[in-house]
Amino acid sequence: MKLKTLSIKNFRNFEDISIELSNKNVVFGMNDVGKTNLLHAFRFLLDRKIRDKGFQETDFFQKDINREIEICLEIDITDHVSDLDSQNIISK
């Protein structure tokens, strides 16, 4: 499985961003630009305990709870799936 693209809308300081991912990625930047928020978006997708808690008002871009939050992770499994692997893929 290869992570391809992370897209975030209306989450914390991200109004609308799409990041192309590669085999190795580095996150760096000045203070208060969203590095931790980017990692929290990944954690939201990958950690059921965090998802079960849901979003807080502070998770919404500019605290606008009327705008839906979207966090999407595109993955590529085409080159890495055997017949046995495909039987173990779980979808929502």
PDB file of N, CA and C in Angstrom:
ATOM      1  N   MET A   1       0.845  -1.176   0.000  1.00  0.00           N
ATOM      2  CA  MET A   1       0.000   0.000   0.000  1.00  0.00           C
ATOM      3  C   MET A   1       0.894   1.243   0.000  1.00  0.00           C
ATOM      4  N   LYS A   2       0.512   2.222  -0.802  1.00  0.00           N
ATOM      5  CA  LYS A   2       1.261   3.467  -0.874  1.00  0.00           C
ATOM      6  C   LYS A   2       0.309   4.638  -0.624  1.00  0.00           C
ATOM      7  N   LEU A   3       0.678   5.517   0.290  1.00  0.00           N
ATOM      8  CA  LEU A   3      -0.099   6.730   0.541  1.00  0.00           C
ATOM      9  C   LEU A   3       0.182   7.698  -0.591  1.00  0.00           C
ATOM     10  N   LYS A   4      -0.875   8.203  -1.232  1.00  0.00           N
ATOM     11  CA  LYS A   4      -0.679   9.061  -2.405  1.00  0.00           C
ATOM     12  C   LYS A   4      -0.979  10.524  -2.120  1.00  0.00           C
ATOM     13  N   THR A   5      -2.168  10.814  -1.593  1.00  0.00           N
ATOM     14  CA  THR A   5      -2.590  12.198  -1.423  1.00  0.00           C
ATOM     15  C   THR A   5      -3.377  12.348  -0.130  1.00  0.00           C
ATOM     16  N   LEU A   6      -3.088  13.405   0.605  1.00  0.00           N
ATOM     17  CA  LEU A   6      -3.874  13.774   1.771  1.00  0.00           C
ATOM     18  C   LEU A   6      -4.586  15.079   1.443  1.00  0.00           C
ATOM     19  N   SER A   7      -5.899  15.069   1.550  1.00  0.00           N
ATOM     20  CA  SER A   7      -6.698  16.278   1.301  1.00  0.00           C
ATOM     21  C   SER A   7      -7.444  16.640   2.580  1.00  0.00           C
ATOM     22  N   ILE A   8      -7.403  17.919   2.920  1.00  0.00           N
ATOM     23  CA  ILE A   8      -8.025  18.402   4.152  1.00  0.00           C
ATOM     24  C   ILE A   8      -8.841  19.643   3.822  1.00  0.00           C
ATOM     25  N   LYS A   9     -10.091  19.666   4.294  1.00  0.00           N
ATOM     26  CA  LYS A   9     -10.936  20.847   4.117  1.00  0.00           C
ATOM     27  C   LYS A   9     -11.576  21.210   5.447  1.00  0.00           C
ATOM     28  N   ASN A  10     -11.476  22.494   5.774  1.00  0.00           N
ATOM     29  CA  ASN A  10     -12.156  23.073   6.934  1.00  0.00           C
ATOM     30  C   ASN A  10     -11.757  22.422   8.253  1.00  0.00           C
ATOM     31  N   PHE A  11     -10.498  22.039   8.371  1.00  0.00           N
ATOM     32  CA  PHE A  11      -9.994  21.415   9.593  1.00  0.00           C
ATOM     33  C   PHE A  11      -8.896  22.281  10.181  1.00  0.00           C
ATOM     34  N   ARG A  12      -9.157  22.772  11.372  1.00  0.00           N
ATOM     35  CA  ARG A  12      -8.218  23.623  12.114  1.00  0.00           C
ATOM     36  C   ARG A  12      -7.734  24.778  11.254  1.00  0.00           C
ATOM     37  N   ASN A  13      -6.439  24.881  10.941  1.00  0.00           N
ATOM     38  CA  ASN A  13      -5.991  26.035  10.153  1.00  0.00           C
ATOM     39  C   ASN A  13      -5.985  25.760   8.647  1.00  0.00           C
ATOM     40  N   PHE A  14      -6.530  24.614   8.226  1.00  0.00           N
ATOM     41  CA  PHE A  14      -6.547  24.275   6.802  1.00  0.00           C
ATOM     42  C   PHE A  14      -7.944  24.492   6.217  1.00  0.00           C
ATOM     43  N   GLU A  15      -8.059  25.491   5.360  1.00  0.00           N
ATOM     44  CA  GLU A  15      -9.342  25.717   4.684  1.00  0.00           C
ATOM     45  C   GLU A  15      -9.526  24.704   3.560  1.00  0.00           C
ATOM     46  N   ASP A  16      -8.501  24.530   2.741  1.00  0.00           N
ATOM     47  CA  ASP A  16      -8.568  23.577   1.628  1.00  0.00           C
ATOM     48  C   ASP A  16      -7.142  23.317   1.146  1.00  0.00           C
ATOM     49  N   ILE A  17      -6.650  22.112   1.413  1.00  0.00           N
ATOM     50  CA  ILE A  17      -5.275  21.777   1.046  1.00  0.00           C
ATOM     51  C   ILE A  17      -5.230  20.336   0.549  1.00  0.00           C
ATOM     52  N   SER A  18      -4.385  20.099  -0.428  1.00  0.00           N
ATOM     53  CA  SER A  18      -4.154  18.751  -0.944  1.00  0.00           C
ATOM     54  C   SER A  18      -2.648  18.563  -1.059  1.00  0.00           C
ATOM     55  N   ILE A  19      -2.131  17.499  -0.447  1.00  0.00           N
ATOM     56  CA  ILE A  19      -0.695  17.259  -0.400  1.00  0.00           C
ATOM     57  C   ILE A  19      -0.384  15.945  -1.091  1.00  0.00           C
ATOM     58  N   GLU A  20       0.468  16.018  -2.120  1.00  0.00           N
ATOM     59  CA  GLU A  20       0.936  14.806  -2.796  1.00  0.00           C
ATOM     60  C   GLU A  20       2.018  14.187  -1.928  1.00  0.00           C
ATOM     61  N   LEU A  21       1.868  12.916  -1.614  1.00  0.00           N
ATOM     62  CA  LEU A  21       2.816  12.224  -0.747  1.00  0.00           C
ATOM     63  C   LEU A  21       3.755  11.365  -1.578  1.00  0.00           C
ATOM     64  N   SER A  22       4.952  11.157  -1.059  1.00  0.00           N
ATOM     65  CA  SER A  22       5.925  10.296  -1.731  1.00  0.00           C
ATOM     66  C   SER A  22       6.370   9.217  -0.749  1.00  0.00           C
ATOM     67  N   ASN A  23       7.384   8.450  -1.132  1.00  0.00           N
ATOM     68  CA  ASN A  23       7.860   7.385  -0.251  1.00  0.00           C
ATOM     69  C   ASN A  23       8.409   7.924   1.062  1.00  0.00           C
ATOM     70  N   LYS A  24       9.014   9.088   1.017  1.00  0.00           N
ATOM     71  CA  LYS A  24       9.540   9.744   2.220  1.00  0.00           C
ATOM     72  C   LYS A  24       9.065  11.184   2.210  1.00  0.00           C
ATOM     73  N   ASN A  25       8.532  11.633   3.338  1.00  0.00           N
ATOM     74  CA  ASN A  25       8.021  12.991   3.450  1.00  0.00           C
ATOM     75  C   ASN A  25       8.597  13.640   4.698  1.00  0.00           C
ATOM     76  N   VAL A  26       8.880  14.920   4.590  1.00  0.00           N
ATOM     77  CA  VAL A  26       9.392  15.689   5.712  1.00  0.00           C
ATOM     78  C   VAL A  26       8.432  16.845   5.945  1.00  0.00           C
ATOM     79  N   VAL A  27       8.068  17.049   7.204  1.00  0.00           N
ATOM     80  CA  VAL A  27       7.201  18.163   7.570  1.00  0.00           C
ATOM     81  C   VAL A  27       8.034  19.132   8.409  1.00  0.00           C
ATOM     82  N   PHE A  28       8.173  20.346   7.916  1.00  0.00           N
ATOM     83  CA  PHE A  28       8.919  21.355   8.670  1.00  0.00           C
ATOM     84  C   PHE A  28       8.319  22.707   8.369  1.00  0.00           C
ATOM     85  N   GLY A  29       8.578  23.674   9.244  1.00  0.00           N
ATOM     86  CA  GLY A  29       8.079  25.020   9.026  1.00  0.00           C
ATOM     87  C   GLY A  29       8.179  25.840  10.294  1.00  0.00           C
ATOM     88  N   MET A  30       7.829  27.083  10.164  1.00  0.00           N
ATOM     89  CA  MET A  30       7.835  28.007  11.293  1.00  0.00           C
ATOM     90  C   MET A  30       6.799  27.551  12.318  1.00  0.00           C
ATOM     91  N   ASN A  31       6.886  28.124  13.513  1.00  0.00           N
ATOM     92  CA  ASN A  31       5.890  27.839  14.536  1.00  0.00           C
ATOM     93  C   ASN A  31       4.515  28.319  14.088  1.00  0.00           C
ATOM     94  N   ASP A  32       3.500  27.566  14.473  1.00  0.00           N
ATOM     95  CA  ASP A  32       2.101  27.978  14.293  1.00  0.00           C
ATOM     96  C   ASP A  32       1.660  28.025  12.825  1.00  0.00           C
ATOM     97  N   VAL A  33       2.192  27.115  11.992  1.00  0.00           N
ATOM     98  CA  VAL A  33       1.763  27.065  10.593  1.00  0.00           C
ATOM     99  C   VAL A  33       0.937  25.822  10.278  1.00  0.00           C
ATOM    100  N   GLY A  34       0.857  24.850  11.241  1.00  0.00           N
ATOM    101  CA  GLY A  34      -0.014  23.709  11.032  1.00  0.00           C
ATOM    102  C   GLY A  34       0.650  22.347  10.980  1.00  0.00           C
ATOM    103  N   LYS A  35       1.909  22.246  11.361  1.00  0.00           N
ATOM    104  CA  LYS A  35       2.593  20.939  11.327  1.00  0.00           C
ATOM    105  C   LYS A  35       1.870  19.922  12.215  1.00  0.00           C
ATOM    106  N   THR A  36       1.567  20.319  13.433  1.00  0.00           N
ATOM    107  CA  THR A  36       0.872  19.423  14.365  1.00  0.00           C
ATOM    108  C   THR A  36      -0.535  19.133  13.875  1.00  0.00           C
ATOM    109  N   ASN A  37      -1.213  20.122  13.311  1.00  0.00           N
ATOM    110  CA  ASN A  37      -2.562  19.906  12.781  1.00  0.00           C
ATOM    111  C   ASN A  37      -2.559  18.923  11.618  1.00  0.00           C
ATOM    112  N   LEU A  38      -1.520  18.965  10.797  1.00  0.00           N
ATOM    113  CA  LEU A  38      -1.385  18.010   9.706  1.00  0.00           C
ATOM    114  C   LEU A  38      -1.270  16.583  10.258  1.00  0.00           C
ATOM    115  N   LEU A  39      -0.437  16.417  11.267  1.00  0.00           N
ATOM    116  CA  LEU A  39      -0.286  15.096  11.884  1.00  0.00           C
ATOM    117  C   LEU A  39      -1.571  14.663  12.587  1.00  0.00           C
ATOM    118  N   HIS A  40      -2.284  15.622  13.179  1.00  0.00           N
ATOM    119  CA  HIS A  40      -3.557  15.282  13.830  1.00  0.00           C
ATOM    120  C   HIS A  40      -4.584  14.805  12.790  1.00  0.00           C
ATOM    121  N   ALA A  41      -4.543  15.350  11.597  1.00  0.00           N
ATOM    122  CA  ALA A  41      -5.445  14.881  10.532  1.00  0.00           C
ATOM    123  C   ALA A  41      -5.158  13.419  10.206  1.00  0.00           C
ATOM    124  N   PHE A  42      -3.875  13.064  10.101  1.00  0.00           N
ATOM    125  CA  PHE A  42      -3.510  11.656   9.899  1.00  0.00           C
ATOM    126  C   PHE A  42      -4.011  10.798  11.062  1.00  0.00           C
ATOM    127  N   ARG A  43      -3.792  11.275  12.270  1.00  0.00           N
ATOM    128  CA  ARG A  43      -4.223  10.509  13.453  1.00  0.00           C
ATOM    129  C   ARG A  43      -5.733  10.318  13.454  1.00  0.00           C
ATOM    130  N   PHE A  44      -6.471  11.337  13.019  1.00  0.00           N
ATOM    131  CA  PHE A  44      -7.928  11.208  12.971  1.00  0.00           C
ATOM    132  C   PHE A  44      -8.327  10.061  12.039  1.00  0.00           C
ATOM    133  N   LEU A  45      -7.655   9.956  10.921  1.00  0.00           N
ATOM    134  CA  LEU A  45      -7.968   8.885   9.978  1.00  0.00           C
ATOM    135  C   LEU A  45      -7.574   7.510  10.495  1.00  0.00           C
ATOM    136  N   LEU A  46      -6.464   7.435  11.192  1.00  0.00           N
ATOM    137  CA  LEU A  46      -5.880   6.146  11.538  1.00  0.00           C
ATOM    138  C   LEU A  46      -6.205   5.650  12.945  1.00  0.00           C
ATOM    139  N   ASP A  47      -6.723   6.505  13.810  1.00  0.00           N
ATOM    140  CA  ASP A  47      -6.983   6.134  15.204  1.00  0.00           C
ATOM    141  C   ASP A  47      -8.474   6.187  15.504  1.00  0.00           C
ATOM    142  N   ARG A  48      -9.074   5.029  15.646  1.00  0.00           N
ATOM    143  CA  ARG A  48     -10.514   4.949  15.876  1.00  0.00           C
ATOM    144  C   ARG A  48     -10.933   5.675  17.158  1.00  0.00           C
ATOM    145  N   LYS A  49     -10.113   5.649  18.187  1.00  0.00           N
ATOM    146  CA  LYS A  49     -10.462   6.323  19.443  1.00  0.00           C
ATOM    147  C   LYS A  49     -10.644   7.820  19.228  1.00  0.00           C
ATOM    148  N   ILE A  50      -9.783   8.410  18.417  1.00  0.00           N
ATOM    149  CA  ILE A  50      -9.906   9.841  18.121  1.00  0.00           C
ATOM    150  C   ILE A  50     -11.165  10.090  17.297  1.00  0.00           C
ATOM    151  N   ARG A  51     -11.422   9.250  16.289  1.00  0.00           N
ATOM    152  CA  ARG A  51     -12.635   9.420  15.466  1.00  0.00           C
ATOM    153  C   ARG A  51     -13.894   9.286  16.302  1.00  0.00           C
ATOM    154  N   ASP A  52     -13.903   8.347  17.239  1.00  0.00           N
ATOM    155  CA  ASP A  52     -15.087   8.126  18.063  1.00  0.00           C
ATOM    156  C   ASP A  52     -15.427   9.342  18.925  1.00  0.00           C
ATOM    157  N   LYS A  53     -14.421  10.138  19.275  1.00  0.00           N
ATOM    158  CA  LYS A  53     -14.659  11.347  20.069  1.00  0.00           C
ATOM    159  C   LYS A  53     -15.334  12.435  19.236  1.00  0.00           C
ATOM    160  N   GLY A  54     -15.180  12.363  17.923  1.00  0.00           N
ATOM    161  CA  GLY A  54     -15.763  13.368  17.042  1.00  0.00           C
ATOM    162  C   GLY A  54     -14.957  14.660  17.058  1.00  0.00           C
ATOM    163  N   PHE A  55     -15.498  15.670  16.400  1.00  0.00           N
ATOM    164  CA  PHE A  55     -14.820  16.956  16.299  1.00  0.00           C
ATOM    165  C   PHE A  55     -15.298  17.901  17.386  1.00  0.00           C
ATOM    166  N   GLN A  56     -14.402  18.765  17.818  1.00  0.00           N
ATOM    167  CA  GLN A  56     -14.715  19.847  18.742  1.00  0.00           C
ATOM    168  C   GLN A  56     -14.849  21.130  17.926  1.00  0.00           C
ATOM    169  N   GLU A  57     -15.429  22.148  18.513  1.00  0.00           N
ATOM    170  CA  GLU A  57     -15.589  23.418  17.804  1.00  0.00           C
ATOM    171  C   GLU A  57     -14.250  23.959  17.325  1.00  0.00           C
ATOM    172  N   THR A  58     -13.207  23.752  18.109  1.00  0.00           N
ATOM    173  CA  THR A  58     -11.878  24.264  17.745  1.00  0.00           C
ATOM    174  C   THR A  58     -11.250  23.505  16.582  1.00  0.00           C
ATOM    175  N   ASP A  59     -11.820  22.358  16.201  1.00  0.00           N
ATOM    176  CA  ASP A  59     -11.309  21.606  15.050  1.00  0.00           C
ATOM    177  C   ASP A  59     -11.772  22.199  13.719  1.00  0.00           C
ATOM    178  N   PHE A  60     -12.801  23.018  13.728  1.00  0.00           N
ATOM    179  CA  PHE A  60     -13.358  23.594  12.503  1.00  0.00           C
ATOM    180  C   PHE A  60     -12.567  24.837  12.098  1.00  0.00           C
ATOM    181  N   PHE A  61     -12.318  24.960  10.802  1.00  0.00           N
ATOM    182  CA  PHE A  61     -11.614  26.125  10.274  1.00  0.00           C
ATOM    183  C   PHE A  61     -12.354  27.388  10.685  1.00  0.00           C
ATOM    184  N   GLN A  62     -11.667  28.299  11.331  1.00  0.00           N
ATOM    185  CA  GLN A  62     -12.222  29.547  11.854  1.00  0.00           C
ATOM    186  C   GLN A  62     -13.430  29.288  12.758  1.00  0.00           C
ATOM    187  N   LYS A  63     -13.467  28.127  13.386  1.00  0.00           N
ATOM    188  CA  LYS A  63     -14.527  27.709  14.326  1.00  0.00           C
ATOM    189  C   LYS A  63     -15.922  27.781  13.704  1.00  0.00           C
ATOM    190  N   ASP A  64     -15.988  27.626  12.381  1.00  0.00           N
ATOM    191  CA  ASP A  64     -17.263  27.671  11.661  1.00  0.00           C
ATOM    192  C   ASP A  64     -17.828  26.249  11.585  1.00  0.00           C
ATOM    193  N   ILE A  65     -18.687  25.895  12.534  1.00  0.00           N
ATOM    194  CA  ILE A  65     -19.222  24.532  12.622  1.00  0.00           C
ATOM    195  C   ILE A  65     -20.234  24.225  11.521  1.00  0.00           C
ATOM    196  N   ASN A  66     -20.604  25.215  10.731  1.00  0.00           N
ATOM    197  CA  ASN A  66     -21.546  25.002   9.632  1.00  0.00           C
ATOM    198  C   ASN A  66     -20.863  24.487   8.364  1.00  0.00           C
ATOM    199  N   ARG A  67     -19.539  24.528   8.350  1.00  0.00           N
ATOM    200  CA  ARG A  67     -18.774  24.022   7.210  1.00  0.00           C
ATOM    201  C   ARG A  67     -18.263  22.631   7.555  1.00  0.00           C
ATOM    202  N   GLU A  68     -18.564  21.673   6.718  1.00  0.00           N
ATOM    203  CA  GLU A  68     -18.193  20.283   6.974  1.00  0.00           C
ATOM    204  C   GLU A  68     -16.690  20.072   6.862  1.00  0.00           C
ATOM    205  N   ILE A  69     -16.149  19.320   7.807  1.00  0.00           N
ATOM    206  CA  ILE A  69     -14.739  18.942   7.759  1.00  0.00           C
ATOM    207  C   ILE A  69     -14.594  17.719   6.862  1.00  0.00           C
ATOM    208  N   GLU A  70     -13.584  17.744   5.993  1.00  0.00           N
ATOM    209  CA  GLU A  70     -13.263  16.591   5.156  1.00  0.00           C
ATOM    210  C   GLU A  70     -11.778  16.290   5.290  1.00  0.00           C
ATOM    211  N   ILE A  71     -11.475  15.037   5.621  1.00  0.00           N
ATOM    212  CA  ILE A  71     -10.084  14.574   5.655  1.00  0.00           C
ATOM    213  C   ILE A  71     -10.051  13.289   4.839  1.00  0.00           C
ATOM    214  N   CYS A  72      -9.354  13.309   3.719  1.00  0.00           N
ATOM    215  CA  CYS A  72      -9.319  12.164   2.806  1.00  0.00           C
ATOM    216  C   CYS A  72      -7.875  11.747   2.540  1.00  0.00           C
ATOM    217  N   LEU A  73      -7.648  10.457   2.588  1.00  0.00           N
ATOM    218  CA  LEU A  73      -6.335   9.904   2.288  1.00  0.00           C
ATOM    219  C   LEU A  73      -6.485   8.951   1.116  1.00  0.00           C
ATOM    220  N   GLU A  74      -5.832   9.296   0.007  1.00  0.00           N
ATOM    221  CA  GLU A  74      -5.862   8.429  -1.174  1.00  0.00           C
ATOM    222  C   GLU A  74      -4.701   7.451  -1.079  1.00  0.00           C
ATOM    223  N   ILE A  75      -5.016   6.169  -1.258  1.00  0.00           N
ATOM    224  CA  ILE A  75      -3.983   5.148  -1.210  1.00  0.00           C
ATOM    225  C   ILE A  75      -3.972   4.372  -2.516  1.00  0.00           C
ATOM    226  N   ASP A  76      -2.818   3.809  -2.828  1.00  0.00           N
ATOM    227  CA  ASP A  76      -2.651   2.993  -4.031  1.00  0.00           C
ATOM    228  C   ASP A  76      -2.294   1.583  -3.589  1.00  0.00           C
ATOM    229  N   ILE A  77      -3.120   0.629  -3.952  1.00  0.00           N
ATOM    230  CA  ILE A  77      -2.835  -0.764  -3.607  1.00  0.00           C
ATOM    231  C   ILE A  77      -2.699  -1.632  -4.853  1.00  0.00           C
ATOM    232  N   THR A  78      -2.733  -1.018  -6.023  1.00  0.00           N
ATOM    233  CA  THR A  78      -2.762  -1.792  -7.273  1.00  0.00           C
ATOM    234  C   THR A  78      -1.533  -2.660  -7.487  1.00  0.00           C
ATOM    235  N   ASP A  79      -0.355  -2.155  -7.169  1.00  0.00           N
ATOM    236  CA  ASP A  79       0.867  -2.920  -7.425  1.00  0.00           C
ATOM    237  C   ASP A  79       1.274  -3.813  -6.259  1.00  0.00           C
ATOM    238  N   HIS A  80       0.532  -3.740  -5.180  1.00  0.00           N
ATOM    239  CA  HIS A  80       0.976  -4.402  -3.969  1.00  0.00           C
ATOM    240  C   HIS A  80      -0.017  -5.429  -3.436  1.00  0.00           C
ATOM    241  N   VAL A  81      -1.037  -5.766  -4.200  1.00  0.00           N
ATOM    242  CA  VAL A  81      -2.085  -6.648  -3.695  1.00  0.00           C
ATOM    243  C   VAL A  81      -2.025  -8.000  -4.384  1.00  0.00           C
ATOM    244  N   SER A  82      -1.920  -9.027  -3.590  1.00  0.00           N
ATOM    245  CA  SER A  82      -2.043 -10.370  -4.131  1.00  0.00           C
ATOM    246  C   SER A  82      -3.490 -10.815  -3.929  1.00  0.00           C
ATOM    247  N   ASP A  83      -3.871 -11.945  -4.471  1.00  0.00           N
ATOM    248  CA  ASP A  83      -5.232 -12.448  -4.276  1.00  0.00           C
ATOM    249  C   ASP A  83      -5.525 -12.660  -2.800  1.00  0.00           C
ATOM    250  N   LEU A  84      -4.561 -13.140  -2.055  1.00  0.00           N
ATOM    251  CA  LEU A  84      -4.739 -13.353  -0.623  1.00  0.00           C
ATOM    252  C   LEU A  84      -4.924 -12.028   0.098  1.00  0.00           C
ATOM    253  N   ASP A  85      -4.142 -11.007  -0.270  1.00  0.00           N
ATOM    254  CA  ASP A  85      -4.265  -9.692   0.353  1.00  0.00           C
ATOM    255  C   ASP A  85      -5.633  -9.085   0.095  1.00  0.00           C
ATOM    256  N   SER A  86      -6.151  -9.234  -1.101  1.00  0.00           N
ATOM    257  CA  SER A  86      -7.416  -8.594  -1.439  1.00  0.00           C
ATOM    258  C   SER A  86      -8.569  -9.138  -0.607  1.00  0.00           C
ATOM    259  N   GLN A  87      -8.441 -10.320  -0.077  1.00  0.00           N
ATOM    260  CA  GLN A  87      -9.483 -10.884   0.783  1.00  0.00           C
ATOM    261  C   GLN A  87      -9.477 -10.241   2.167  1.00  0.00           C
ATOM    262  N   ASN A  88      -8.391  -9.583   2.531  1.00  0.00           N
ATOM    263  CA  ASN A  88      -8.254  -9.001   3.858  1.00  0.00           C
ATOM    264  C   ASN A  88      -8.464  -7.492   3.885  1.00  0.00           C
ATOM    265  N   ILE A  89      -8.827  -6.887   2.764  1.00  0.00           N
ATOM    266  CA  ILE A  89      -9.053  -5.443   2.713  1.00  0.00           C
ATOM    267  C   ILE A  89     -10.404  -5.143   3.338  1.00  0.00           C
ATOM    268  N   ILE A  90     -10.400  -4.206   4.270  1.00  0.00           N
ATOM    269  CA  ILE A  90     -11.630  -3.819   4.964  1.00  0.00           C
ATOM    270  C   ILE A  90     -12.024  -2.446   4.462  1.00  0.00           C
ATOM    271  N   SER A  91     -13.284  -2.283   4.124  1.00  0.00           N
ATOM    272  CA  SER A  91     -13.752  -0.970   3.691  1.00  0.00           C
ATOM    273  C   SER A  91     -14.877  -0.525   4.599  1.00  0.00           C
ATOM    274  N   LYS A  92     -15.070   0.781   4.651  1.00  0.00           N
ATOM    275  CA  LYS A  92     -16.086   1.378   5.503  1.00  0.00           C
ATOM    276  C   LYS A  92     -17.446   1.234   4.884  1.00  0.00           C
TER     277      LYS A  92
END
